[in-house]
C-alpha atoms as a PDB file:
ATOM      1  CA  MET A   1      -2.764   8.079  13.424  1.00  0.00           C
ATOM      2  CA  GLU A   2      -4.304   5.944  10.702  1.00  0.00           C
ATOM      3  CA  PHE A   3      -3.641   5.474   6.992  1.00  0.00           C
ATOM      4  CA  ASN A   4      -5.940   4.010   4.344  1.00  0.00           C
ATOM      5  CA  ILE A   5      -4.112   3.242   1.097  1.00  0.00           C
ATOM      6  CA  ILE A   6      -5.566   1.849  -2.122  1.00  0.00           C
ATOM      7  CA  ILE A   7      -3.293   0.267  -4.729  1.00  0.00           C
ATOM      8  CA  SER A   8      -5.107  -0.497  -7.973  1.00  0.00           C
ATOM      9  CA  GLY A   9      -4.134  -1.701 -11.406  1.00  0.00           C
ATOM     10  CA  VAL A  10      -4.184  -4.633 -13.782  1.00  0.00           C
ATOM     11  CA  GLY A  11      -3.436  -8.230 -12.766  1.00  0.00           C
ATOM     12  CA  GLY A  12       0.189  -9.193 -13.282  1.00  0.00           C
ATOM     13  CA  GLN A  13       1.623  -5.742 -12.466  1.00  0.00           C
ATOM     14  CA  GLY A  14       2.552  -6.593  -8.880  1.00  0.00           C
ATOM     15  CA  ASN A  15      -0.173  -4.608  -7.124  1.00  0.00           C
ATOM     16  CA  VAL A  16      -0.818  -7.317  -4.534  1.00  0.00           C
ATOM     17  CA  ARG A  17       2.911  -7.755  -3.915  1.00  0.00           C
ATOM     18  CA  ALA A  18       3.326  -3.993  -3.448  1.00  0.00           C
ATOM     19  CA  ALA A  19       0.538  -4.024  -0.841  1.00  0.00           C
ATOM     20  CA  GLN A  20       2.209  -6.950   0.960  1.00  0.00           C
ATOM     21  CA  ILE A  21       5.584  -5.176   1.033  1.00  0.00           C
ATOM     22  CA  LEU A  22       3.998  -1.953   2.304  1.00  0.00           C
ATOM     23  CA  GLY A  23       2.064  -3.854   4.968  1.00  0.00           C
ATOM     24  CA  LEU A  24       5.109  -5.815   6.110  1.00  0.00           C
ATOM     25  CA  ALA A  25       7.188  -2.638   6.413  1.00  0.00           C
ATOM     26  CA  ALA A  26       4.472  -0.997   8.528  1.00  0.00           C
ATOM     27  CA  LEU A  27       4.097  -4.148  10.653  1.00  0.00           C
ATOM     28  CA  LYS A  28       7.846  -4.247  11.344  1.00  0.00           C
ATOM     29  CA  SER A  29       7.634  -0.571  12.361  1.00  0.00           C
ATOM     30  CA  GLY A  30       5.108  -1.435  15.073  1.00  0.00           C
ATOM     31  CA  TYR A  31       1.849  -0.592  13.311  1.00  0.00           C
ATOM     32  CA  ASP A  32      -1.273  -2.750  13.088  1.00  0.00           C
ATOM     33  CA  VAL A  33      -1.985  -3.674   9.462  1.00  0.00           C
ATOM     34  CA  LYS A  34      -5.003  -5.016   7.585  1.00  0.00           C
ATOM     35  CA  ILE A  35      -4.816  -5.912   3.878  1.00  0.00           C
ATOM     36  CA  THR A  36      -7.625  -6.996   1.564  1.00  0.00           C
ATOM     37  CA  ASP A  37      -7.364  -7.807  -2.135  1.00  0.00           C
ATOM     38  CA  VAL A  38     -10.181  -7.704  -4.683  1.00  0.00           C
ATOM     39  CA  TYR A  39      -9.583  -9.493  -7.981  1.00  0.00           C
ATOM     40  CA  GLY A  40     -11.466  -8.966 -11.232  1.00  0.00           C
ATOM     41  CA  ILE A  41     -12.827 -11.776 -13.395  1.00  0.00           C
ATOM     42  CA  ALA A  42      -9.541 -12.636 -15.133  1.00  0.00           C
ATOM     43  CA  GLN A  43      -6.456 -13.614 -13.152  1.00  0.00           C
ATOM     44  CA  ARG A  44      -4.073 -11.894 -15.514  1.00  0.00           C
ATOM     45  CA  GLY A  45      -5.172  -8.717 -17.224  1.00  0.00           C
ATOM     46  CA  GLY A  46      -8.213  -8.177 -14.985  1.00  0.00           C
ATOM     47  CA  SER A  47      -8.576  -5.419 -12.421  1.00  0.00           C
ATOM     48  CA  VAL A  48      -6.948  -5.803  -9.009  1.00  0.00           C
ATOM     49  CA  VAL A  49      -7.483  -3.524  -6.023  1.00  0.00           C
ATOM     50  CA  SER A  50      -5.614  -3.852  -2.723  1.00  0.00           C
ATOM     51  CA  HIS A  51      -6.702  -1.953   0.375  1.00  0.00           C
ATOM     52  CA  VAL A  52      -4.014  -1.416   3.017  1.00  0.00           C
ATOM     53  CA  ARG A  53      -5.089  -0.034   6.382  1.00  0.00           C
ATOM     54  CA  ILE A  54      -2.351   0.989   8.818  1.00  0.00           C
ATOM     55  CA  GLY A  55      -2.930   2.177  12.377  1.00  0.00           C
ATOM     56  CA  LYS A  56      -0.948   2.631  15.565  1.00  0.00           C
ATOM     57  CA  ILE A  57      -3.448   0.631  17.637  1.00  0.00           C
ATOM     58  CA  TYR A  58      -5.595  -2.426  16.903  1.00  0.00           C
ATOM     59  CA  ILE A  59      -7.980  -1.583  14.055  1.00  0.00           C
ATOM     60  CA  HIS A  60     -11.638  -2.574  14.515  1.00  0.00           C
ATOM     61  CA  HIS A  61     -13.835  -3.151  11.449  1.00  0.00           C
END
């Protein structure tokens, strides 16, 4: 079983934090987790996309 989740929004809304919380919860439940964050040009107000990949076994890229 594998999940690929994308959390997107504007910088300063907590998108990265939401991805970290989701990843930590999955990790504590025994899943393997990979998280990547992509930031827009501006730190605050720019686009932010977080990719969260959750799997039951080690995930290969």
